[in-house]
Amino acid sequence: MIDDIQKSMLREIADLYKIPKGAYNIRTNGQSAARNTTANIDIVSKTDKPGIDIKIKPGTKNEAVHIPVVISETGLKEVVYNDFFVGEDSDVTIIAGCGIHNCGGQDSQHDGVHRFFVGKNARVRYVEKHYGEGDDVGKRILNPVTEVYQEEGSYVEMEMVQIKGVDSTIRTTKAELADGAKMIVHERLMTHGEQEATSTYEVALNGAGSSADVSSRSVARDTSVQTFEANIIGNNMCNGHAECDAIIMDKARVISVPKLDANCVDAALIHEAAIGKIAGEQLIKLMTLGLTEQEAEEQIITGFLR
């Protein structure tokens, strides 16, 4: 049974206003609350540890699978292991995400370990949203680990979003790409209060003609701290790009740690980073249109993180 608080969280993290069509597994407070499979997508519970195996048949097209997680109990801490087996020549969307509603005095925490095995010429769009809410001293902690193994000619696009309410997060993403494989990552992040967020990406471009583009846009407010680490490893003829673009406000701190490791003369690797405050001329322009300074800041931030 999914209660009203959990339904509200599902809307925040997965845009779910009702039970979705197709394949899904909805996890609430450490248990599977709802599940459905299709002819092409099977979801099986693991027998040795918490989590599921999602098996997508070769050639599956234009299907989606939802696997959101919601925690609404204070003090609940869990580690969940999900493996995705994406058959060759398939084209699917995977909607994940975790929301924590904590109004108690104990910390609540979800650590998800996701592994993707992406078959030859398969295409995957992966969306992961994190969200927290609550008005007590108990923290909301999320530590996702993502591993991606891409076979020849595969394509993976990942959208990683965290905009509100998560007190502490360490996001770790590792990937290995074979010949002609391509990965694109878009991270959007905002921290406030005393929140801390660390994002670490390590992408090994092992195959000839493989490529990766990892970009992060973030806003750090109040006394929050953000760290962005990107390590692109070129082991063959390849193209790699990593970019961090951050707005810093109040007394926040932002750290960008680039690392490029070229092990082949034909590896073309680029890293870019820009950290700064909101430009004064942007504020003035919006304020001349009738907005207050605070309203102007919010408009700029919203547009920046879109």
Protein backbone atom coordinates (compact mmCIF):
# COMPACT_ATOMS: atom_id res chain seq x y z
CA MET A 1 0.00 0.00 0.00
CA ILE A 2 1.39 3.38 -1.05
CA ASP A 3 0.31 6.24 1.25
CA ASP A 4 -0.16 9.94 0.42
CA ILE A 5 3.35 10.98 1.51
CA GLN A 6 4.89 8.28 -0.65
CA LYS A 7 2.70 9.26 -3.60
CA SER A 8 3.90 12.85 -3.25
CA MET A 9 7.53 11.69 -3.23
CA LEU A 10 6.96 9.57 -6.34
CA ARG A 11 5.73 12.67 -8.16
CA GLU A 12 8.91 14.51 -7.17
CA ILE A 13 11.44 11.85 -8.15
CA ALA A 14 9.79 10.11 -11.09
CA ASP A 15 6.91 12.34 -12.27
CA LEU A 16 4.54 9.53 -11.34
CA TYR A 17 0.98 10.66 -10.71
CA LYS A 18 -0.36 7.11 -10.98
CA ILE A 19 0.95 3.59 -11.40
CA PRO A 20 2.91 3.64 -14.69
CA LYS A 21 2.32 1.49 -17.72
CA GLY A 22 4.90 -1.08 -18.67
CA ALA A 23 7.55 -2.54 -16.38
CA TYR A 24 8.08 -1.13 -12.90
CA ASN A 25 9.25 -1.90 -9.39
CA ILE A 26 8.29 0.59 -6.68
CA ARG A 27 10.18 0.19 -3.41
CA THR A 28 8.92 1.85 -0.21
CA ASN A 29 10.53 1.64 3.24
CA GLY A 30 12.71 -1.32 2.36
CA GLN A 31 10.06 -3.44 0.64
CA SER A 32 8.70 -3.89 -2.87
CA ALA A 33 5.30 -2.15 -2.88
CA ALA A 34 4.34 -2.77 -6.52
CA ARG A 35 5.83 -4.60 -9.52
CA ASN A 36 4.93 -5.35 -13.11
CA THR A 37 6.78 -7.02 -15.97
CA THR A 38 6.20 -7.09 -19.72
CA ALA A 39 6.88 -9.52 -22.53
CA ASN A 40 10.25 -7.84 -23.12
CA ILE A 41 11.27 -6.62 -19.66
CA ASP A 42 11.48 -8.97 -16.69
CA ILE A 43 12.17 -7.93 -13.08
CA VAL A 44 13.38 -10.60 -10.65
CA SER A 45 14.22 -10.23 -6.95
CA LYS A 46 17.75 -11.16 -5.95
CA THR A 47 18.03 -14.14 -3.61
CA ASP A 48 21.39 -13.34 -1.97
CA LYS A 49 20.94 -9.65 -1.13
CA PRO A 50 18.39 -6.81 -1.37
CA GLY A 51 17.70 -5.70 -4.92
CA ILE A 52 16.48 -6.77 -8.32
CA ASP A 53 17.69 -7.92 -11.74
CA ILE A 54 16.12 -6.11 -14.70
CA LYS A 55 16.42 -8.17 -17.88
CA ILE A 56 15.66 -6.45 -21.18
CA LYS A 57 15.38 -8.69 -24.22
CA PRO A 58 17.46 -7.98 -27.35
CA GLY A 59 15.65 -5.80 -29.88
CA THR A 60 13.28 -4.22 -27.33
CA LYS A 61 12.22 -0.79 -28.62
CA ASN A 62 10.42 2.22 -27.15
CA GLU A 63 9.77 0.71 -23.74
CA ALA A 64 10.42 2.12 -20.28
CA VAL A 65 11.01 0.70 -16.83
CA HIS A 66 10.42 2.64 -13.58
CA ILE A 67 12.33 1.67 -10.41
CA PRO A 68 11.79 4.50 -7.86
CA VAL A 69 12.61 4.19 -4.16
CA VAL A 70 10.84 6.06 -1.35
CA ILE A 71 11.74 6.17 2.34
CA SER A 72 9.29 7.77 4.78
CA GLU A 73 10.45 6.12 8.02
CA THR A 74 12.99 7.88 10.20
CA GLY A 75 16.05 5.79 11.06
CA LEU A 76 15.71 3.42 8.09
CA LYS A 77 19.05 2.66 6.42
CA GLU A 78 19.44 0.28 3.50
CA VAL A 79 21.76 -0.82 0.71
CA VAL A 80 20.08 -2.09 -2.47
CA TYR A 81 21.75 -3.79 -5.46
CA ASN A 82 20.12 -3.50 -8.89
CA ASP A 83 21.57 -5.03 -12.07
CA PHE A 84 20.36 -4.09 -15.56
CA PHE A 85 20.97 -6.46 -18.46
CA VAL A 86 20.18 -4.55 -21.65
CA GLY A 87 20.00 -6.77 -24.72
CA GLU A 88 21.71 -5.81 -27.97
CA ASP A 89 19.91 -3.56 -30.46
CA SER A 90 17.40 -2.46 -27.82
CA ASP A 91 16.28 1.14 -27.13
CA VAL A 92 14.86 1.77 -23.65
CA THR A 93 14.34 4.43 -20.98
CA ILE A 94 15.02 3.70 -17.32
CA ILE A 95 13.52 6.03 -14.69
CA ALA A 96 15.06 5.63 -11.25
CA GLY A 97 15.44 8.01 -8.32
CA CYS A 98 15.08 8.10 -4.57
CA GLY A 99 13.09 10.33 -2.26
CA ILE A 100 13.46 10.51 1.52
CA HIS A 101 10.78 12.08 3.74
CA ASN A 102 12.28 12.28 7.23
CA CYS A 103 10.44 14.10 9.99
CA GLY A 104 12.03 12.18 12.87
CA GLY A 105 15.13 12.48 14.99
CA GLN A 106 17.18 9.73 13.35
CA ASP A 107 19.06 9.72 10.05
CA SER A 108 17.48 7.95 7.06
CA GLN A 109 19.76 6.61 4.34
CA HIS A 110 19.53 4.82 0.99
CA ASP A 111 22.61 3.54 -0.79
CA GLY A 112 21.85 2.14 -4.23
CA VAL A 113 24.36 0.15 -6.28
CA HIS A 114 23.34 0.01 -9.94
CA ARG A 115 25.22 -1.97 -12.57
CA PHE A 116 24.39 -1.64 -16.27
CA PHE A 117 25.48 -4.26 -18.80
CA VAL A 118 24.63 -2.65 -22.13
CA GLY A 119 24.69 -4.91 -25.16
CA LYS A 120 26.04 -4.27 -28.63
CA ASN A 121 24.37 -1.32 -30.42
CA ALA A 122 21.85 -0.87 -27.57
CA ARG A 123 20.63 2.58 -26.50
CA VAL A 124 19.74 3.54 -22.92
CA ARG A 125 18.38 6.76 -21.48
CA TYR A 126 18.73 6.72 -17.69
CA VAL A 127 17.13 9.34 -15.43
CA GLU A 128 17.97 9.45 -11.71
CA LYS A 129 16.45 12.10 -9.45
CA HIS A 130 17.17 12.54 -5.75
CA TYR A 131 14.97 14.55 -3.40
CA GLY A 132 14.59 15.03 0.33
CA GLU A 133 12.16 16.74 2.67
CA GLY A 134 11.43 16.93 6.40
CA ASP A 135 11.47 19.35 9.31
CA ASP A 136 13.36 17.55 12.08
CA VAL A 137 17.01 16.96 12.94
CA GLY A 138 17.19 13.58 11.21
CA LYS A 139 19.32 13.73 8.07
CA ARG A 140 18.49 12.51 4.58
CA ILE A 141 21.49 10.65 3.12
CA LEU A 142 21.87 9.22 -0.39
CA ASN A 143 24.99 7.48 -1.71
CA PRO A 144 24.44 6.08 -5.22
CA VAL A 145 27.05 3.92 -6.94
CA THR A 146 26.65 3.42 -10.69
CA GLU A 147 28.72 1.09 -12.85
CA VAL A 148 28.27 1.01 -16.63
CA TYR A 149 29.76 -1.56 -18.99
CA GLN A 150 29.10 -0.70 -22.64
CA GLU A 151 29.66 -3.10 -25.49
CA GLU A 152 30.51 -2.16 -29.07
CA GLY A 153 28.42 0.63 -30.63
CA SER A 154 26.22 1.15 -27.57
CA TYR A 155 24.90 4.54 -26.40
CA VAL A 156 24.10 5.60 -22.83
CA GLU A 157 22.69 8.97 -21.82
CA MET A 158 22.40 9.69 -18.10
CA GLU A 159 20.54 12.54 -16.39
CA MET A 160 21.52 12.88 -12.72
CA VAL A 161 19.45 15.42 -10.78
CA GLN A 162 19.50 16.57 -7.15
CA ILE A 163 17.86 19.92 -6.46
CA LYS A 164 16.50 19.91 -2.92
CA GLY A 165 16.58 18.46 0.56
CA VAL A 166 19.46 15.93 0.55
CA ASP A 167 21.79 16.57 3.49
CA SER A 168 24.67 14.38 2.37
CA THR A 169 25.43 12.54 -0.85
CA ILE A 170 28.42 10.79 -2.38
CA ARG A 171 27.69 9.93 -6.01
CA THR A 172 30.17 7.51 -7.59
CA THR A 173 29.96 6.63 -11.28
CA LYS A 174 32.34 4.33 -13.16
CA ALA A 175 32.13 3.30 -16.80
CA GLU A 176 34.02 1.19 -19.32
CA LEU A 177 33.39 1.70 -23.04
CA ALA A 178 34.20 -0.67 -25.91
CA ASP A 179 34.71 0.17 -29.62
CA GLY A 180 32.42 2.94 -30.88
CA ALA A 181 30.50 3.21 -27.60
CA LYS A 182 29.31 6.63 -26.46
CA MET A 183 28.31 8.00 -23.06
CA ILE A 184 26.73 11.37 -22.23
CA VAL A 185 26.17 12.48 -18.62
CA HIS A 186 24.27 15.60 -17.54
CA GLU A 187 24.40 16.34 -13.82
CA ARG A 188 22.28 19.07 -12.18
CA LEU A 189 22.79 19.79 -8.52
CA MET A 190 21.85 22.36 -5.89
CA THR A 191 22.93 22.38 -2.26
CA HIS A 192 21.89 24.69 0.55
CA GLY A 193 22.17 24.98 4.32
CA GLU A 194 25.00 22.78 5.60
CA GLN A 195 24.58 20.12 2.91
CA GLU A 196 27.53 18.28 1.40
CA ALA A 197 27.66 16.70 -2.07
CA THR A 198 30.47 14.83 -3.79
CA SER A 199 30.26 13.62 -7.39
CA THR A 200 32.99 11.34 -8.73
CA TYR A 201 33.11 10.12 -12.32
CA GLU A 202 35.66 7.70 -13.77
CA VAL A 203 35.24 6.78 -17.43
CA ALA A 204 37.63 4.40 -19.18
CA LEU A 205 37.55 4.79 -22.96
CA ASN A 206 38.95 1.39 -23.88
CA GLY A 207 37.60 0.97 -27.39
CA ALA A 208 38.63 2.58 -30.65
CA GLY A 209 36.27 5.42 -31.51
CA SER A 210 34.67 5.50 -28.06
CA SER A 211 33.63 8.85 -26.56
CA ALA A 212 32.34 10.39 -23.35
CA ASP A 213 30.94 13.80 -22.40
CA VAL A 214 30.44 14.39 -18.66
CA SER A 215 29.02 17.77 -17.65
CA SER A 216 27.88 19.16 -14.29
CA ARG A 217 25.89 22.31 -13.57
CA SER A 218 25.52 23.18 -9.93
CA VAL A 219 24.52 25.89 -7.47
CA ALA A 220 25.98 26.03 -3.96
CA ARG A 221 24.20 28.21 -1.40
CA ASP A 222 24.55 29.11 2.29
CA THR A 223 27.45 27.13 3.84
CA SER A 224 27.09 24.01 1.70
CA VAL A 225 30.09 22.23 0.16
CA GLN A 226 30.32 20.59 -3.27
CA THR A 227 33.10 18.51 -4.79
CA PHE A 228 33.20 17.46 -8.45
CA GLU A 229 35.84 14.95 -9.58
CA ALA A 230 36.10 13.77 -13.17
CA ASN A 231 38.65 11.26 -14.42
CA ILE A 232 38.58 10.51 -18.14
CA ILE A 233 40.95 7.70 -19.14
CA GLY A 234 41.85 7.37 -22.81
CA ASN A 235 43.20 3.90 -23.56
CA ASN A 236 42.62 4.00 -27.31
CA MET A 237 41.77 6.39 -30.12
CA CYS A 238 38.91 8.24 -28.43
CA ASN A 239 37.32 11.56 -27.45
CA GLY A 240 36.63 12.57 -23.86
CA HIS A 241 35.24 15.77 -22.38
CA ALA A 242 34.44 16.75 -18.79
CA GLU A 243 32.98 20.07 -17.69
CA CYS A 244 32.04 21.65 -14.35
CA ASP A 245 30.05 24.89 -14.37
CA ALA A 246 29.05 26.15 -10.91
CA ILE A 247 27.42 29.18 -9.29
CA ILE A 248 28.66 29.89 -5.77
CA MET A 249 26.64 31.99 -3.31
CA ASP A 250 26.77 33.16 0.31
CA LYS A 251 29.55 31.29 2.18
CA ALA A 252 29.44 28.08 0.17
CA ARG A 253 32.43 26.18 -1.20
CA VAL A 254 32.89 24.44 -4.56
CA ILE A 255 35.84 22.20 -5.46
CA SER A 256 36.53 20.93 -8.99
CA VAL A 257 39.15 18.21 -9.43
CA PRO A 258 40.02 17.42 -13.05
CA LYS A 259 42.02 14.39 -14.13
CA LEU A 260 42.82 13.35 -17.67
CA ASP A 261 44.77 10.15 -18.26
CA ALA A 262 45.88 9.68 -21.87
CA ASN A 263 47.43 6.29 -22.55
CA CYS A 264 47.24 6.52 -26.34
CA VAL A 265 48.65 9.10 -28.73
CA ASP A 266 45.23 9.30 -30.43
CA ALA A 267 43.30 10.02 -27.23
CA ALA A 268 41.77 13.53 -27.34
CA LEU A 269 40.75 14.59 -23.82
CA ILE A 270 39.45 17.96 -22.59
CA HIS A 271 38.46 19.28 -19.15
CA GLU A 272 36.75 22.62 -18.47
CA ALA A 273 35.76 24.26 -15.19
CA ALA A 274 34.12 27.57 -14.31
CA ILE A 275 33.08 28.64 -10.80
CA GLY A 276 31.75 32.09 -9.98
CA LYS A 277 28.98 34.20 -8.55
CA ILE A 278 25.92 35.45 -10.39
CA ALA A 279 26.93 38.29 -12.67
CA GLY A 280 25.78 41.70 -11.49
CA GLU A 281 24.61 42.76 -14.94
CA GLN A 282 22.26 39.76 -15.06
CA LEU A 283 20.65 40.82 -11.80
CA ILE A 284 20.35 44.44 -12.88
CA LYS A 285 18.74 43.51 -16.19
CA LEU A 286 16.04 41.43 -14.50
CA MET A 287 15.48 43.98 -11.74
CA THR A 288 14.84 46.67 -14.36
CA LEU A 289 11.96 44.46 -15.50
CA GLY A 290 10.36 44.73 -12.07
CA LEU A 291 11.81 41.76 -10.20
CA THR A 292 13.27 42.03 -6.72
CA GLU A 293 16.90 40.99 -6.26
CA GLN A 294 15.80 37.69 -4.69
CA GLU A 295 13.32 37.01 -7.51
CA ALA A 296 16.01 37.80 -10.07
CA GLU A 297 18.43 35.37 -8.41
CA GLU A 298 15.83 32.59 -8.43
CA GLN A 299 15.08 33.18 -12.13
CA ILE A 300 18.78 32.97 -13.00
CA ILE A 301 19.29 29.81 -10.95
CA THR A 302 16.23 28.13 -12.43
CA GLY A 303 17.41 28.87 -15.96
CA PHE A 304 20.97 27.76 -15.16
CA LEU A 305 19.86 24.37 -13.82
CA ARG A 306 17.29 23.68 -16.51
